[in-house]
Amino acid sequence: MKYNELKKALCEIGVLDYESEAYLILNHIFSVSYSDLILDKDRDFESEKIHGVLKKRKAGMPIQYIIGKWDFMGLTFFVSPDCLIPRPDTEVLVEKALAEIKKGDRVADFCTGSGCIGLSILTLSDKIDNITLVDISKPALQMAEKNAKELNVWEKCVFVNKDIREIKNEKFDFILSNPPYIPTHDIEALSREVKNEPYLALDGGLDGFDIISFLIGDGLSLLNENGRMLIEFGYDQAKKIDTCLSEIKNKGIIKDYELIMDYGKNVRCVLIKK
């Protein structure tokens, strides 16, 4: 199968960015570079292997799971159907954390998944010596461990396989989280690709706030005095977040909070200061 034939096949099964995906597939299977591909567009590749990938894409498996890795914050992370795929909008959360973290902070990444948030911060910041990565899913946490080893930071990580609502007698200076926040009834309307990601990492309960409510409620007790919490949420959940935190601030539970926009100009994260 030739490059142009692969692009056409991807287009026919509904892949929007079929040109980029065609390259990713050929690079993954045959280790061909983009420049080599452009210079030799008529090269014939072994069709049997390509058809196997096309079959998975037609079934809705994300290309990231097929190639087994994805880039985030300039780093490469292993991914699998056991964890969410790192997304560009989440880089906003990491960039904010890198700007806010102080020397010697004790940091935790709740609902860590692949570990892309916590491990990016540990790798890119010289202000912290270690990080605690927590996830209720053992397979997801194992993927985070694999990524920590690949990034040579495994010895600086503490891995905790637990529901974050069960964490007791711990204190952190900075808590990061990209929790499940999609309302249960909205999941069925998601794209085929997203529905192939782990349900546990998507389902935020009836209103999408099961875990978020814990974080901005009892979860604040896990912060040291002057601690900070940085949470990602859905593009349409900002108003409710703002209302809840305004009430908490008026009660004196937190000092302040800051709503943060993603690259699409949607309010996507909040930084809470205890």
C-alpha atoms as a PDB file:
ATOM      1  CA  MET A   1       0.000   0.000   0.000  1.00  0.00           C
ATOM      2  CA  LYS A   2       1.286   3.449  -0.942  1.00  0.00           C
ATOM      3  CA  TYR A   3       1.206   6.593   1.206  1.00  0.00           C
ATOM      4  CA  ASN A   4      -1.571   8.222  -0.847  1.00  0.00           C
ATOM      5  CA  GLU A   5      -3.608   5.027  -0.769  1.00  0.00           C
ATOM      6  CA  LEU A   6      -3.331   4.906   3.008  1.00  0.00           C
ATOM      7  CA  LYS A   7      -4.440   8.544   3.283  1.00  0.00           C
ATOM      8  CA  LYS A   8      -7.474   7.761   1.124  1.00  0.00           C
ATOM      9  CA  ALA A   9      -8.340   4.690   3.203  1.00  0.00           C
ATOM     10  CA  LEU A  10      -8.177   6.701   6.435  1.00  0.00           C
ATOM     11  CA  CYS A  11     -10.303   9.469   4.936  1.00  0.00           C
ATOM     12  CA  GLU A  12     -12.929   6.924   3.880  1.00  0.00           C
ATOM     13  CA  ILE A  13     -13.316   5.604   7.441  1.00  0.00           C
ATOM     14  CA  GLY A  14     -13.845   9.117   8.773  1.00  0.00           C
ATOM     15  CA  VAL A  15     -10.400  10.118  10.055  1.00  0.00           C
ATOM     16  CA  LEU A  16     -10.218  13.919   9.861  1.00  0.00           C
ATOM     17  CA  ASP A  17      -6.447  14.363  10.076  1.00  0.00           C
ATOM     18  CA  TYR A  18      -5.811  11.476   7.694  1.00  0.00           C
ATOM     19  CA  GLU A  19      -2.549  12.863   6.292  1.00  0.00           C
ATOM     20  CA  SER A  20      -0.831  13.100   9.688  1.00  0.00           C
ATOM     21  CA  GLU A  21      -2.197   9.735  10.770  1.00  0.00           C
ATOM     22  CA  ALA A  22      -0.982   8.075   7.583  1.00  0.00           C
ATOM     23  CA  TYR A  23       2.526   9.241   8.394  1.00  0.00           C
ATOM     24  CA  LEU A  24       2.238   8.166  12.051  1.00  0.00           C
ATOM     25  CA  ILE A  25       1.134   4.686  11.004  1.00  0.00           C
ATOM     26  CA  LEU A  26       3.948   4.227   8.497  1.00  0.00           C
ATOM     27  CA  ASN A  27       6.500   5.628  10.915  1.00  0.00           C
ATOM     28  CA  HIS A  28       5.248   3.318  13.660  1.00  0.00           C
ATOM     29  CA  ILE A  29       5.238   0.144  11.555  1.00  0.00           C
ATOM     30  CA  PHE A  30       8.148   0.727   9.183  1.00  0.00           C
ATOM     31  CA  SER A  31      10.207   3.460  10.956  1.00  0.00           C
ATOM     32  CA  VAL A  32      10.043   5.627   7.840  1.00  0.00           C
ATOM     33  CA  SER A  33      10.828   9.338   8.264  1.00  0.00           C
ATOM     34  CA  TYR A  34       8.563  12.067   6.911  1.00  0.00           C
ATOM     35  CA  SER A  35      11.267  13.356   4.557  1.00  0.00           C
ATOM     36  CA  ASP A  36      11.827   9.855   3.140  1.00  0.00           C
ATOM     37  CA  LEU A  37       8.099   9.501   2.662  1.00  0.00           C
ATOM     38  CA  ILE A  38       7.835  12.755   0.729  1.00  0.00           C
ATOM     39  CA  LEU A  39      10.815  11.881  -1.433  1.00  0.00           C
ATOM     40  CA  ASP A  40       9.437   8.428  -2.244  1.00  0.00           C
ATOM     41  CA  LYS A  41       5.646   8.729  -2.280  1.00  0.00           C
ATOM     42  CA  ASP A  42       5.289   5.715  -4.564  1.00  0.00           C
ATOM     43  CA  ARG A  43       6.979   3.307  -2.188  1.00  0.00           C
ATOM     44  CA  ASP A  44       4.854   0.223  -1.585  1.00  0.00           C
ATOM     45  CA  PHE A  45       4.505  -0.876   2.025  1.00  0.00           C
ATOM     46  CA  GLU A  46       3.435  -4.278   3.277  1.00  0.00           C
ATOM     47  CA  SER A  47      -0.371  -4.113   3.197  1.00  0.00           C
ATOM     48  CA  GLU A  48      -1.135  -6.826   5.746  1.00  0.00           C
ATOM     49  CA  LYS A  49       0.305  -4.866   8.675  1.00  0.00           C
ATOM     50  CA  ILE A  50      -1.386  -1.654   7.542  1.00  0.00           C
ATOM     51  CA  HIS A  51      -4.774  -3.355   7.194  1.00  0.00           C
ATOM     52  CA  GLY A  52      -4.536  -4.480  10.815  1.00  0.00           C
ATOM     53  CA  VAL A  53      -4.153  -0.868  11.926  1.00  0.00           C
ATOM     54  CA  LEU A  54      -6.962   0.306   9.633  1.00  0.00           C
ATOM     55  CA  LYS A  55      -9.268  -2.300  11.148  1.00  0.00           C
ATOM     56  CA  LYS A  56      -8.563  -0.937  14.645  1.00  0.00           C
ATOM     57  CA  ARG A  57      -9.073   2.662  13.530  1.00  0.00           C
ATOM     58  CA  LYS A  58     -12.347   1.769  11.841  1.00  0.00           C
ATOM     59  CA  ALA A  59     -13.494   0.282  15.159  1.00  0.00           C
ATOM     60  CA  GLY A  60     -12.706   3.612  16.828  1.00  0.00           C
ATOM     61  CA  MET A  61      -9.422   2.798  18.570  1.00  0.00           C
ATOM     62  CA  PRO A  62      -7.460   6.055  18.936  1.00  0.00           C
ATOM     63  CA  ILE A  63      -4.247   6.278  16.937  1.00  0.00           C
ATOM     64  CA  GLN A  64      -2.389   7.024  20.192  1.00  0.00           C
ATOM     65  CA  TYR A  65      -3.248   3.580  21.577  1.00  0.00           C
ATOM     66  CA  ILE A  66      -2.272   1.914  18.331  1.00  0.00           C
ATOM     67  CA  ILE A  67       1.204   3.454  18.248  1.00  0.00           C
ATOM     68  CA  GLY A  68       1.442   3.177  22.043  1.00  0.00           C
ATOM     69  CA  LYS A  69       2.848   6.621  22.811  1.00  0.00           C
ATOM     70  CA  TRP A  70       2.079  10.318  22.562  1.00  0.00           C
ATOM     71  CA  ASP A  71       3.889  13.620  23.071  1.00  0.00           C
ATOM     72  CA  PHE A  72       3.047  15.986  25.907  1.00  0.00           C
ATOM     73  CA  MET A  73       5.023  19.015  27.124  1.00  0.00           C
ATOM     74  CA  GLY A  74       7.841  18.101  24.749  1.00  0.00           C
ATOM     75  CA  LEU A  75       8.152  14.659  26.347  1.00  0.00           C
ATOM     76  CA  THR A  76       7.001  11.277  25.043  1.00  0.00           C
ATOM     77  CA  PHE A  77       4.669   9.147  27.170  1.00  0.00           C
ATOM     78  CA  PHE A  78       3.618   5.546  26.747  1.00  0.00           C
ATOM     79  CA  VAL A  79      -0.166   5.229  26.582  1.00  0.00           C
ATOM     80  CA  SER A  80      -2.619   2.343  26.490  1.00  0.00           C
ATOM     81  CA  PRO A  81      -6.381   1.809  26.845  1.00  0.00           C
ATOM     82  CA  ASP A  82      -5.730   1.724  30.617  1.00  0.00           C
ATOM     83  CA  CYS A  83      -5.200   5.498  30.761  1.00  0.00           C
ATOM     84  CA  LEU A  84      -6.396   8.733  29.200  1.00  0.00           C
ATOM     85  CA  ILE A  85      -4.530  10.131  26.220  1.00  0.00           C
ATOM     86  CA  PRO A  86      -2.552  13.295  27.127  1.00  0.00           C
ATOM     87  CA  ARG A  87      -4.167  16.349  25.546  1.00  0.00           C
ATOM     88  CA  PRO A  88      -2.739  19.765  24.600  1.00  0.00           C
ATOM     89  CA  ASP A  89      -5.249  21.650  26.787  1.00  0.00           C
ATOM     90  CA  THR A  90      -3.846  19.903  29.867  1.00  0.00           C
ATOM     91  CA  GLU A  91      -0.459  21.479  29.120  1.00  0.00           C
ATOM     92  CA  VAL A  92      -1.982  24.742  30.417  1.00  0.00           C
ATOM     93  CA  LEU A  93      -2.317  23.117  33.844  1.00  0.00           C
ATOM     94  CA  VAL A  94       1.298  21.924  33.778  1.00  0.00           C
ATOM     95  CA  GLU A  95       2.611  25.319  32.666  1.00  0.00           C
ATOM     96  CA  LYS A  96       0.718  27.011  35.507  1.00  0.00           C
ATOM     97  CA  ALA A  97       2.067  24.490  38.007  1.00  0.00           C
ATOM     98  CA  LEU A  98       5.638  25.027  36.818  1.00  0.00           C
ATOM     99  CA  ALA A  99       5.190  28.762  37.400  1.00  0.00           C
ATOM    100  CA  GLU A 100       3.628  28.341  40.850  1.00  0.00           C
ATOM    101  CA  ILE A 101       5.586  25.506  42.470  1.00  0.00           C
ATOM    102  CA  LYS A 102       8.034  26.596  45.153  1.00  0.00           C
ATOM    103  CA  LYS A 103      11.362  25.102  46.100  1.00  0.00           C
ATOM    104  CA  GLY A 104      10.902  22.064  48.315  1.00  0.00           C
ATOM    105  CA  ASP A 105       7.132  21.739  47.829  1.00  0.00           C
ATOM    106  CA  ARG A 106       5.658  18.326  48.564  1.00  0.00           C
ATOM    107  CA  VAL A 107       3.651  17.632  45.401  1.00  0.00           C
ATOM    108  CA  ALA A 108       0.960  15.067  44.527  1.00  0.00           C
ATOM    109  CA  ASP A 109      -0.735  14.220  41.233  1.00  0.00           C
ATOM    110  CA  PHE A 110      -4.209  12.818  41.941  1.00  0.00           C
ATOM    111  CA  CYS A 111      -5.878  10.639  39.270  1.00  0.00           C
ATOM    112  CA  THR A 112      -2.491  10.488  37.578  1.00  0.00           C
ATOM    113  CA  GLY A 113      -3.303   8.050  34.739  1.00  0.00           C
ATOM    114  CA  SER A 114      -0.245   7.883  32.471  1.00  0.00           C
ATOM    115  CA  GLY A 115       1.527  10.233  34.871  1.00  0.00           C
ATOM    116  CA  CYS A 116       1.879  12.896  32.190  1.00  0.00           C
ATOM    117  CA  ILE A 117       1.082  15.799  34.550  1.00  0.00           C
ATOM    118  CA  GLY A 118       3.164  14.851  37.561  1.00  0.00           C
ATOM    119  CA  LEU A 119       6.064  13.364  35.615  1.00  0.00           C
ATOM    120  CA  SER A 120       6.265  16.398  33.325  1.00  0.00           C
ATOM    121  CA  ILE A 121       6.561  18.666  36.357  1.00  0.00           C
ATOM    122  CA  LEU A 122       9.122  16.415  38.023  1.00  0.00           C
ATOM    123  CA  THR A 123      11.165  16.270  34.814  1.00  0.00           C
ATOM    124  CA  LEU A 124      10.926  19.940  33.831  1.00  0.00           C
ATOM    125  CA  SER A 125      11.209  21.609  37.247  1.00  0.00           C
ATOM    126  CA  ASP A 126      14.298  21.819  39.436  1.00  0.00           C
ATOM    127  CA  LYS A 127      12.245  22.947  42.455  1.00  0.00           C
ATOM    128  CA  ILE A 128      11.005  19.555  43.653  1.00  0.00           C
ATOM    129  CA  ASP A 129      12.858  16.371  44.517  1.00  0.00           C
ATOM    130  CA  ASN A 130       9.975  13.897  44.377  1.00  0.00           C
ATOM    131  CA  ILE A 131       6.270  13.476  43.672  1.00  0.00           C
ATOM    132  CA  THR A 132       3.401  11.263  44.808  1.00  0.00           C
ATOM    133  CA  LEU A 133       1.320   9.772  41.978  1.00  0.00           C
ATOM    134  CA  VAL A 134      -2.116   8.443  42.932  1.00  0.00           C
ATOM    135  CA  ASP A 135      -4.652   6.487  40.882  1.00  0.00           C
ATOM    136  CA  ILE A 136      -7.506   4.125  41.706  1.00  0.00           C
ATOM    137  CA  SER A 137      -6.644   2.032  38.617  1.00  0.00           C
ATOM    138  CA  LYS A 138      -3.715  -0.336  39.091  1.00  0.00           C
ATOM    139  CA  PRO A 139      -3.122  -0.744  35.312  1.00  0.00           C
ATOM    140  CA  ALA A 140      -3.052   3.053  34.893  1.00  0.00           C
ATOM    141  CA  LEU A 141      -0.581   3.384  37.756  1.00  0.00           C
ATOM    142  CA  GLN A 142       1.599   0.705  36.169  1.00  0.00           C
ATOM    143  CA  MET A 143       1.659   2.816  33.007  1.00  0.00           C
ATOM    144  CA  ALA A 144       2.758   5.808  35.104  1.00  0.00           C
ATOM    145  CA  GLU A 145       5.549   3.655  36.557  1.00  0.00           C
ATOM    146  CA  LYS A 146       6.637   2.664  33.053  1.00  0.00           C
ATOM    147  CA  ASN A 147       6.775   6.307  32.019  1.00  0.00           C
ATOM    148  CA  ALA A 148       8.685   7.268  35.160  1.00  0.00           C
ATOM    149  CA  LYS A 149      11.319   4.664  34.338  1.00  0.00           C
ATOM    150  CA  GLU A 150      11.537   5.849  30.732  1.00  0.00           C
ATOM    151  CA  LEU A 151      12.052   9.447  31.921  1.00  0.00           C
ATOM    152  CA  ASN A 152      14.635   8.308  34.513  1.00  0.00           C
ATOM    153  CA  VAL A 153      12.671   9.725  37.470  1.00  0.00           C
ATOM    154  CA  TRP A 154      11.241   6.487  38.890  1.00  0.00           C
ATOM    155  CA  GLU A 155      13.321   6.705  42.087  1.00  0.00           C
ATOM    156  CA  LYS A 156      11.837  10.153  42.769  1.00  0.00           C
ATOM    157  CA  CYS A 157       8.241   8.890  42.646  1.00  0.00           C
ATOM    158  CA  VAL A 158       5.869   7.414  45.212  1.00  0.00           C
ATOM    159  CA  PHE A 159       3.089   5.384  43.553  1.00  0.00           C
ATOM    160  CA  VAL A 160      -0.183   4.993  45.445  1.00  0.00           C
ATOM    161  CA  ASN A 161      -2.933   2.677  44.140  1.00  0.00           C
ATOM    162  CA  LYS A 162      -5.917   4.140  45.951  1.00  0.00           C
ATOM    163  CA  ASP A 163      -9.127   6.122  45.544  1.00  0.00           C
ATOM    164  CA  ILE A 164      -8.066   9.673  46.425  1.00  0.00           C
ATOM    165  CA  ARG A 165     -11.128   9.925  48.695  1.00  0.00           C
ATOM    166  CA  GLU A 166      -9.530   7.270  50.909  1.00  0.00           C
ATOM    167  CA  ILE A 167      -6.289   9.186  51.495  1.00  0.00           C
ATOM    168  CA  LYS A 168      -5.866  10.050  55.162  1.00  0.00           C
ATOM    169  CA  ASN A 169      -3.167  11.591  57.357  1.00  0.00           C
ATOM    170  CA  GLU A 170      -1.264  13.084  54.430  1.00  0.00           C
ATOM    171  CA  LYS A 171      -0.286  16.689  53.778  1.00  0.00           C
ATOM    172  CA  PHE A 172       0.958  18.265  50.551  1.00  0.00           C
ATOM    173  CA  ASP A 173       2.013  21.741  49.517  1.00  0.00           C
ATOM    174  CA  PHE A 174       0.726  21.366  45.969  1.00  0.00           C
ATOM    175  CA  ILE A 175      -1.958  19.003  44.664  1.00  0.00           C
ATOM    176  CA  LEU A 176      -2.557  18.601  40.931  1.00  0.00           C
ATOM    177  CA  SER A 177      -5.464  16.761  39.385  1.00  0.00           C
ATOM    178  CA  ASN A 178      -7.138  16.072  36.069  1.00  0.00           C
ATOM    179  CA  PRO A 179     -10.033  14.061  37.521  1.00  0.00           C
ATOM    180  CA  PRO A 180     -12.960  12.371  35.762  1.00  0.00           C
ATOM    181  CA  TYR A 181     -15.437  15.207  35.097  1.00  0.00           C
ATOM    182  CA  ILE A 182     -17.798  14.116  32.309  1.00  0.00           C
ATOM    183  CA  PRO A 183     -21.410  13.640  33.468  1.00  0.00           C
ATOM    184  CA  THR A 184     -22.422   9.990  33.161  1.00  0.00           C
ATOM    185  CA  HIS A 185     -25.300  10.709  30.771  1.00  0.00           C
ATOM    186  CA  ASP A 186     -22.979  12.636  28.407  1.00  0.00           C
ATOM    187  CA  ILE A 187     -20.531   9.792  27.842  1.00  0.00           C
ATOM    188  CA  GLU A 188     -22.690   8.002  25.280  1.00  0.00           C
ATOM    189  CA  ALA A 189     -22.631  11.116  23.067  1.00  0.00           C
ATOM    190  CA  LEU A 190     -18.821  11.273  22.970  1.00  0.00           C
ATOM    191  CA  SER A 191     -16.866  10.362  19.850  1.00  0.00           C
ATOM    192  CA  ARG A 192     -16.006   6.710  19.208  1.00  0.00           C
ATOM    193  CA  GLU A 193     -12.362   7.462  19.942  1.00  0.00           C
ATOM    194  CA  VAL A 194     -13.034   9.039  23.351  1.00  0.00           C
ATOM    195  CA  LYS A 195     -15.400   6.208  24.303  1.00  0.00           C
ATOM    196  CA  ASN A 196     -12.468   3.835  23.743  1.00  0.00           C
ATOM    197  CA  GLU A 197     -10.631   5.566  26.585  1.00  0.00           C
ATOM    198  CA  PRO A 198     -11.092   4.132  30.113  1.00  0.00           C
ATOM    199  CA  TYR A 199     -14.609   4.734  31.447  1.00  0.00           C
ATOM    200  CA  LEU A 200     -13.251   5.090  34.966  1.00  0.00           C
ATOM    201  CA  ALA A 201     -11.170   8.085  33.880  1.00  0.00           C
ATOM    202  CA  LEU A 202     -14.099   9.762  32.092  1.00  0.00           C
ATOM    203  CA  ASP A 203     -17.125   9.261  34.349  1.00  0.00           C
ATOM    204  CA  GLY A 204     -17.503  12.104  36.823  1.00  0.00           C
ATOM    205  CA  GLY A 205     -20.851  10.926  38.139  1.00  0.00           C
ATOM    206  CA  LEU A 206     -24.340  12.302  37.606  1.00  0.00           C
ATOM    207  CA  ASP A 207     -23.270  15.947  37.264  1.00  0.00           C
ATOM    208  CA  GLY A 208     -19.577  15.375  36.544  1.00  0.00           C
ATOM    209  CA  PHE A 209     -18.588  16.694  39.974  1.00  0.00           C
ATOM    210  CA  ASP A 210     -18.106  13.514  42.037  1.00  0.00           C
ATOM    211  CA  ILE A 211     -14.332  13.885  42.357  1.00  0.00           C
ATOM    212  CA  ILE A 212     -14.204  17.661  41.901  1.00  0.00           C
ATOM    213  CA  SER A 213     -16.595  18.085  44.860  1.00  0.00           C
ATOM    214  CA  PHE A 214     -14.255  16.033  47.003  1.00  0.00           C
ATOM    215  CA  LEU A 215     -11.201  18.000  45.891  1.00  0.00           C
ATOM    216  CA  ILE A 216     -12.707  21.416  46.671  1.00  0.00           C
ATOM    217  CA  GLY A 217     -14.311  20.037  49.828  1.00  0.00           C
ATOM    218  CA  ASP A 218     -12.650  17.472  52.065  1.00  0.00           C
ATOM    219  CA  GLY A 219      -9.649  17.326  49.740  1.00  0.00           C
ATOM    220  CA  LEU A 220      -8.543  20.774  50.897  1.00  0.00           C
ATOM    221  CA  SER A 221      -7.692  19.216  54.271  1.00  0.00           C
ATOM    222  CA  LEU A 222      -4.833  17.400  52.512  1.00  0.00           C
ATOM    223  CA  LEU A 223      -3.116  20.734  51.853  1.00  0.00           C
ATOM    224  CA  ASN A 224      -0.638  22.315  54.216  1.00  0.00           C
ATOM    225  CA  GLU A 225      -1.239  25.901  55.291  1.00  0.00           C
ATOM    226  CA  ASN A 226      -0.589  28.142  52.249  1.00  0.00           C
ATOM    227  CA  GLY A 227      -0.871  25.060  50.051  1.00  0.00           C
ATOM    228  CA  ARG A 228      -2.240  25.194  46.526  1.00  0.00           C
ATOM    229  CA  MET A 229      -4.472  22.942  44.440  1.00  0.00           C
ATOM    230  CA  LEU A 230      -4.659  22.994  40.641  1.00  0.00           C
ATOM    231  CA  ILE A 231      -7.610  21.201  39.025  1.00  0.00           C
ATOM    232  CA  GLU A 232      -8.691  20.690  35.418  1.00  0.00           C
ATOM    233  CA  PHE A 233     -12.421  20.550  34.657  1.00  0.00           C
ATOM    234  CA  GLY A 234     -14.827  20.558  31.713  1.00  0.00           C
ATOM    235  CA  TYR A 235     -15.075  23.547  29.370  1.00  0.00           C
ATOM    236  CA  ASP A 236     -18.694  24.130  30.468  1.00  0.00           C
ATOM    237  CA  GLN A 237     -18.196  23.697  34.228  1.00  0.00           C
ATOM    238  CA  ALA A 238     -16.503  27.020  35.035  1.00  0.00           C
ATOM    239  CA  LYS A 239     -19.637  28.786  36.293  1.00  0.00           C
ATOM    240  CA  LYS A 240     -20.390  26.082  38.861  1.00  0.00           C
ATOM    241  CA  ILE A 241     -16.737  25.951  39.940  1.00  0.00           C
ATOM    242  CA  ASP A 242     -16.701  29.741  40.349  1.00  0.00           C
ATOM    243  CA  THR A 243     -19.904  29.717  42.427  1.00  0.00           C
ATOM    244  CA  CYS A 244     -18.688  26.914  44.717  1.00  0.00           C
ATOM    245  CA  LEU A 245     -15.276  28.452  45.329  1.00  0.00           C
ATOM    246  CA  SER A 246     -16.729  31.913  45.893  1.00  0.00           C
ATOM    247  CA  GLU A 247     -18.837  30.470  48.725  1.00  0.00           C
ATOM    248  CA  ILE A 248     -15.833  28.632  50.179  1.00  0.00           C
ATOM    249  CA  LYS A 249     -13.724  31.795  50.017  1.00  0.00           C
ATOM    250  CA  ASN A 250     -16.427  33.798  51.818  1.00  0.00           C
ATOM    251  CA  LYS A 251     -16.327  31.237  54.634  1.00  0.00           C
ATOM    252  CA  GLY A 252     -12.568  31.768  54.994  1.00  0.00           C
ATOM    253  CA  ILE A 253     -11.667  28.197  54.035  1.00  0.00           C
ATOM    254  CA  ILE A 254      -9.447  29.368  51.164  1.00  0.00           C
ATOM    255  CA  LYS A 255      -7.537  32.595  50.587  1.00  0.00           C
ATOM    256  CA  ASP A 256      -8.259  32.950  46.898  1.00  0.00           C
ATOM    257  CA  TYR A 257      -8.626  31.155  43.594  1.00  0.00           C
ATOM    258  CA  GLU A 258      -7.776  31.846  39.965  1.00  0.00           C
ATOM    259  CA  LEU A 259      -9.621  30.558  36.896  1.00  0.00           C
ATOM    260  CA  ILE A 260      -7.325  29.727  33.977  1.00  0.00           C
ATOM    261  CA  MET A 261      -8.116  29.572  30.250  1.00  0.00           C
ATOM    262  CA  ASP A 262      -6.928  26.877  27.866  1.00  0.00           C
ATOM    263  CA  TYR A 263      -5.622  27.498  24.353  1.00  0.00           C
ATOM    264  CA  GLY A 264      -9.180  27.544  22.993  1.00  0.00           C
ATOM    265  CA  LYS A 265     -10.090  30.412  25.368  1.00  0.00           C
ATOM    266  CA  ASN A 266     -12.255  28.143  27.526  1.00  0.00           C
ATOM    267  CA  VAL A 267     -11.875  28.340  31.295  1.00  0.00           C
ATOM    268  CA  ARG A 268     -10.327  24.937  31.923  1.00  0.00           C
ATOM    269  CA  CYS A 269      -8.419  24.981  35.234  1.00  0.00           C
ATOM    270  CA  VAL A 270      -8.563  26.555  38.661  1.00  0.00           C
ATOM    271  CA  LEU A 271      -5.715  27.331  41.056  1.00  0.00           C
ATOM    272  CA  ILE A 272      -6.918  27.326  44.669  1.00  0.00           C
ATOM    273  CA  LYS A 273      -4.832  28.932  47.411  1.00  0.00           C
ATOM    274  CA  LYS A 274      -5.499  27.696  50.942  1.00  0.00           C
END
